[in-house]
Amino acid sequence: METLRRFALPFLLALACVALHPARVFAGAARSVADTRDPARDAAYQKLVDATNAVVAIHVKAIPDARSNETLGQVRAGSGVLIADNLVLTIGYLILEADTVEVTDADGTKVPATVVAYDHATGFGLVRPMAPLGEKPIALGSAAPVAQLDRMMIVNGGEEQTVSVATVVSKRKFAGYWEYLIDNAIFTTPPRFDHSGAALINSKGELVGIGSLFVMDALTPGEKLPGNMFVPVDLLKPILDEMVRTGAQHASHRPWLGVNSLEEDGRVKVMQVNEESPAARAGISAGDIILTVDGQPVESLEKFYRALWTRGPAGVKVVLGVLHGPQMREVTVESMDRRDFMRHRTGI
């Protein structure tokens, strides 16, 4: 496998260089053999090599009674990116309710790691290997200049590392069914199914996003175009120190009800209710339609979440106007901090 990687990775990176810098590469190819060495292109290639080597594999085993095992499984695999001295950024759901975490670098070295943070508001997770990794940390770029039709590299980690080139098809707000909302999510195509924690890297070798989801509507909501959603790294920069210090940013400790919902015909429809969650205790059930939050109409997931999160801190009581079958009723739900709902290793 190491031999295959030694020869395959430079080839894939060369293809990426062509895809990311076609004019520069073709212009160089037109020069005479004596002039083919281009220091600028060599430097750009090396940045891509270094960025690729900063991507690691992450293997997680959750605690046996983790609430997330039903949807994520107890054994999970994905990627992460070395972003600072011995600090790896990944997508948070991989490490949710983790029992053990192991990081594998580009050379195949396996190192146990500890969970540093999981921020529900952004979806980011941080782990710290128990021994230093030998690679250079990746440079953090910005998703702000990323535009439709830009070409990016998607890289996963570990011994079987793969590199592909994807096209950005849209940037927009993303509302997830699990009480999740972010601005300027990045959507790419063609899709990859090993997207969890994968690195989205620009032509400068900078990290601009972390892989979160496979989606069916990457271009426009409701229109079929399979792709992936990436969480922009810009959301990390203002909260990184706080995450390392406290385990999550302040905004992550907001009211949580425990409903999985979707938008349907301008209404918020409950698909599933987490067992033992605040919504379950209040009697909310699958099929209910949430029309109001404390009397405020909510016609979309975005409006529902914003209305909920502005009610006060986690633990605040909210009154939901709910259509249950043909009957309209008001249901008082005592919210909670989602982190308190998750289970943890004994003694942690």
Foldseek 3Di string as FASTA:
>chain_A
DLVCCVPVVLVQLVVVLCVQPVVVQVVLVPDDPVRNDDVVSVLLSVLQVLLQQQKKKKWFAADPPWLCCVPQNRIDIAMWGQADWQKTKFFQVRPFRTDWMWIQTQVRDIFTWAWQAAAQAQRMTMIGTPDTDPGDGFAADECVPPDFQRKWWWWHHHPPIDIDIWTWQDFAWDFFLQLYIDHGKTKIDDADPSQGQIFTAHSNSHTFWGWDDWDQCRRDPPDGDTTTITRTCVVCVVCVVVCNVPRYDPLLQFFGFAFGWAQDPQWTFTQQGRPPGQCVVQPDGHGKIWQDKQNHGHRGSVSVSVSRRVPDGFQDWIWTFICDPPDTDITITGTHRVSVVTDHDPPD
